[in-house]
Amino acid sequence: MTAPHDHQVEESRSVFEGRIISVRTDRVTMPGDTTSQREYVVHPGAVGAVVLDQGRVLLVNQYRHPVRRRLDELPAGLLDEPGEPALAAAQRELAEEAGLAAETWHVLVDTLTSPGMSDEAIRVFLARDVRVVDREVQVHEEADMTTQWLPLEEAVRQVLGGRIENAMAAVGILAADRAARDGFAGLRPADAPWPSRKTG
């Protein structure tokens, strides 16, 4: 059995720098003494929260321009600052988007959204024992954001039926359903290591 090929980056350059993302192109060594060009989106990472209360899950609904329509999603957002704790970011987004805080937090699931074209890593938390908190007036895409509570079983049906398509929401809802069936045993603590998160 041969050892796995070590994919070395021979050259890397930025071809686009945006407000949030950038695009890089790398020349990478491939098996058979060849090289290949790989273009990918560099993303700061994101967090979201499956908020459960009395068997219901909280969904937010907002317009997403790349797909030209509104989507049901989880309260979520970007890691705004380098080194920002993921839990703090999730707590901030929950307050900003839904006017809620939660007393009990666990890591629910980590995922790489599209590793063939982006380095975006997301962490989805499970948030329980919620209460209402004050929040600032929302602007931009959050100005017309709406929220709804949906029974978790109905949310699962909507994922499987293709009505909830947002990747973070689909993964989080299905993971939360399984976690609930297991009595929430085995969930990681809210500060569990996140190996895929970029630190630089």
Protein backbone atom coordinates (compact mmCIF):
# COMPACT_ATOMS: atom_id res chain seq x y z
CA MET A 1 0.00 0.00 0.00
CA THR A 2 1.46 3.35 -1.05
CA ALA A 3 1.41 6.42 1.14
CA PRO A 4 -1.17 9.13 0.30
CA HIS A 5 0.10 11.85 -2.02
CA ASP A 6 1.20 15.05 -0.27
CA HIS A 7 -0.54 17.89 -2.11
CA GLN A 8 1.96 20.74 -1.91
CA VAL A 9 1.02 24.30 -2.90
CA GLU A 10 3.67 25.53 -5.32
CA GLU A 11 2.09 28.94 -5.95
CA SER A 12 -0.83 30.83 -4.42
CA ARG A 13 -2.25 34.19 -5.41
CA SER A 14 -5.35 36.26 -4.76
CA VAL A 15 -7.49 37.02 -7.80
CA PHE A 16 -10.35 38.83 -6.04
CA GLU A 17 -10.74 40.68 -2.74
CA GLY A 18 -14.27 41.50 -1.61
CA ARG A 19 -15.79 42.91 1.55
CA ILE A 20 -16.34 39.46 3.04
CA ILE A 21 -14.83 36.84 0.75
CA SER A 22 -11.82 36.55 -1.48
CA VAL A 23 -10.90 34.16 -4.28
CA ARG A 24 -7.51 32.48 -4.55
CA THR A 25 -5.91 30.32 -7.20
CA ASP A 26 -3.30 27.76 -6.16
CA ARG A 27 -1.00 25.55 -8.22
CA VAL A 28 -0.94 22.20 -6.42
CA THR A 29 1.21 19.11 -6.93
CA MET A 30 -0.86 16.09 -7.94
CA PRO A 31 -0.19 12.36 -8.10
CA GLY A 32 1.84 11.31 -11.13
CA ASP A 33 4.26 14.26 -11.02
CA THR A 34 1.69 16.72 -12.38
CA THR A 35 0.28 19.98 -11.12
CA SER A 36 -3.25 21.36 -11.20
CA GLN A 37 -4.79 24.78 -10.67
CA ARG A 38 -7.38 25.05 -7.91
CA GLU A 39 -9.58 28.14 -7.49
CA TYR A 40 -11.50 28.56 -4.26
CA VAL A 41 -13.38 31.04 -2.10
CA VAL A 42 -11.72 32.12 1.14
CA HIS A 43 -14.43 32.64 3.77
CA PRO A 44 -14.21 33.84 7.39
CA GLY A 45 -16.50 31.08 8.70
CA ALA A 46 -19.93 31.26 10.27
CA VAL A 47 -22.01 30.09 13.20
CA GLY A 48 -25.68 29.35 13.67
CA ALA A 49 -28.05 28.12 16.34
CA VAL A 50 -30.82 25.58 16.41
CA VAL A 51 -33.03 27.12 19.09
CA LEU A 52 -35.36 24.58 20.68
CA ASP A 53 -38.21 25.44 23.00
CA GLN A 54 -41.02 23.06 23.95
CA GLY A 55 -40.41 20.87 20.92
CA ARG A 56 -40.33 23.79 18.51
CA VAL A 57 -37.45 25.18 16.46
CA LEU A 58 -36.95 28.87 15.66
CA LEU A 59 -36.57 29.80 12.01
CA VAL A 60 -35.79 33.16 10.49
CA ASN A 61 -36.82 34.07 6.96
CA GLN A 62 -34.85 36.49 4.81
CA TYR A 63 -34.04 37.40 1.22
CA ARG A 64 -30.91 35.82 -0.27
CA HIS A 65 -29.81 37.62 -3.38
CA PRO A 66 -27.71 34.91 -5.10
CA VAL A 67 -30.80 32.67 -5.33
CA ARG A 68 -33.21 35.63 -5.74
CA ARG A 69 -35.68 34.53 -3.08
CA ARG A 70 -36.41 34.31 0.61
CA LEU A 71 -35.27 31.28 2.60
CA ASP A 72 -36.11 29.78 5.97
CA GLU A 73 -32.89 29.59 7.96
CA LEU A 74 -31.43 29.39 11.44
CA PRO A 75 -30.33 32.49 13.32
CA ALA A 76 -26.78 32.71 12.03
CA GLY A 77 -23.97 34.97 10.94
CA LEU A 78 -20.34 35.43 10.08
CA LEU A 79 -17.43 35.33 12.45
CA ASP A 80 -16.93 39.08 12.28
CA GLU A 81 -13.59 39.40 14.04
CA PRO A 82 -10.48 37.21 13.88
CA GLY A 83 -10.33 35.12 17.03
CA GLU A 84 -13.93 35.90 18.04
CA PRO A 85 -15.21 32.99 20.15
CA ALA A 86 -17.73 31.00 18.13
CA LEU A 87 -20.17 30.85 21.04
CA ALA A 88 -20.07 34.62 21.51
CA ALA A 89 -20.78 35.09 17.82
CA ALA A 90 -23.76 32.72 17.96
CA GLN A 91 -25.12 34.46 21.05
CA ARG A 92 -24.76 37.83 19.33
CA GLU A 93 -26.57 36.66 16.22
CA LEU A 94 -29.42 35.14 18.23
CA ALA A 95 -29.93 38.43 20.06
CA GLU A 96 -29.68 40.53 16.90
CA GLU A 97 -31.89 38.40 14.66
CA ALA A 98 -34.47 37.07 17.11
CA GLY A 99 -34.25 39.16 20.29
CA LEU A 100 -33.48 36.04 22.32
CA ALA A 101 -30.84 34.71 24.68
CA ALA A 102 -30.34 31.10 25.75
CA GLU A 103 -29.05 29.70 29.02
CA THR A 104 -27.99 26.27 27.71
CA TRP A 105 -25.61 25.88 24.77
CA HIS A 106 -23.94 22.84 23.19
CA VAL A 107 -22.11 22.23 19.94
CA LEU A 108 -24.56 20.40 17.71
CA VAL A 109 -22.61 19.85 14.48
CA ASP A 110 -19.63 21.19 12.51
CA THR A 111 -19.59 21.10 8.74
CA LEU A 112 -17.66 22.28 5.69
CA THR A 113 -20.30 23.75 3.41
CA SER A 114 -18.70 23.18 0.01
CA PRO A 115 -15.09 21.99 0.38
CA GLY A 116 -14.64 21.53 -3.33
CA MET A 117 -14.83 25.28 -3.90
CA SER A 118 -14.63 27.06 -0.53
CA ASP A 119 -12.85 26.79 2.82
CA GLU A 120 -16.00 27.95 4.66
CA ALA A 121 -16.46 26.13 7.95
CA ILE A 122 -19.63 26.49 10.01
CA ARG A 123 -20.45 25.52 13.58
CA VAL A 124 -24.06 24.95 14.56
CA PHE A 125 -24.98 25.19 18.21
CA LEU A 126 -27.98 23.84 20.06
CA ALA A 127 -29.54 26.59 22.19
CA ARG A 128 -32.16 25.89 24.85
CA ASP A 129 -33.81 27.60 27.83
CA VAL A 130 -34.47 30.84 25.96
CA ARG A 131 -35.68 34.23 27.12
CA VAL A 132 -36.54 37.49 25.39
CA VAL A 133 -33.93 40.27 25.40
CA ASP A 134 -33.81 43.80 24.01
CA ARG A 135 -32.22 44.32 20.62
CA GLU A 136 -31.25 47.22 18.41
CA VAL A 137 -33.28 48.29 15.39
CA GLN A 138 -32.30 46.07 12.48
CA VAL A 139 -31.00 47.40 9.16
CA HIS A 140 -30.09 46.08 5.70
CA GLU A 141 -30.99 42.42 5.13
CA GLU A 142 -32.22 42.03 8.70
CA ALA A 143 -34.71 44.89 8.42
CA ASP A 144 -37.42 42.70 6.86
CA MET A 145 -36.38 39.44 8.51
CA THR A 146 -39.25 37.50 10.04
CA THR A 147 -39.24 34.70 12.62
CA GLN A 148 -41.47 31.72 13.27
CA TRP A 149 -41.56 28.79 15.65
CA LEU A 150 -42.14 25.45 13.95
CA PRO A 151 -42.58 22.03 15.58
CA LEU A 152 -39.30 20.18 15.17
CA GLU A 153 -41.05 17.25 13.49
CA GLU A 154 -42.60 19.62 10.93
CA ALA A 155 -39.20 21.25 10.31
CA VAL A 156 -37.72 17.81 9.60
CA ARG A 157 -40.55 17.12 7.14
CA GLN A 158 -39.84 20.42 5.42
CA VAL A 159 -36.15 19.57 5.09
CA LEU A 160 -36.90 16.15 3.63
CA GLY A 161 -39.62 17.62 1.42
CA GLY A 162 -37.27 20.21 -0.07
CA ARG A 163 -38.96 23.25 1.43
CA ILE A 164 -36.08 24.11 3.76
CA GLU A 165 -33.00 24.24 1.50
CA ASN A 166 -30.52 26.38 3.41
CA ALA A 167 -27.64 23.99 4.13
CA MET A 168 -26.98 25.10 7.69
CA ALA A 169 -30.67 24.85 8.54
CA ALA A 170 -31.06 21.42 6.96
CA VAL A 171 -28.01 19.99 8.71
CA GLY A 172 -28.88 21.62 12.02
CA ILE A 173 -32.53 20.57 12.04
CA LEU A 174 -31.74 16.94 11.21
CA ALA A 175 -28.96 16.84 13.81
CA ALA A 176 -31.23 18.41 16.43
CA ASP A 177 -33.93 15.85 15.73
CA ARG A 178 -31.47 13.02 16.28
CA ALA A 179 -30.04 14.68 19.40
CA ALA A 180 -33.54 15.08 20.84
CA ARG A 181 -34.30 11.40 20.19
CA ASP A 182 -31.09 10.55 22.08
CA GLY A 183 -32.09 12.75 25.02
CA PHE A 184 -29.33 15.23 24.10
CA ALA A 185 -26.73 12.77 25.37
CA GLY A 186 -23.23 12.98 23.94
CA LEU A 187 -23.37 16.59 22.72
CA ARG A 188 -20.10 18.48 22.91
CA PRO A 189 -19.67 21.43 25.27
CA ALA A 190 -20.15 24.88 23.78
CA ASP A 191 -16.41 25.58 23.88
CA ALA A 192 -15.35 22.29 22.25
CA PRO A 193 -12.36 22.50 19.89
CA TRP A 194 -13.16 23.40 16.29
CA PRO A 195 -10.27 22.05 14.17
CA SER A 196 -11.61 23.33 10.83
CA ARG A 197 -11.88 26.93 11.96
CA LYS A 198 -9.18 29.17 10.53
CA THR A 199 -7.21 31.00 13.19
CA GLY A 200 -5.35 33.45 10.94
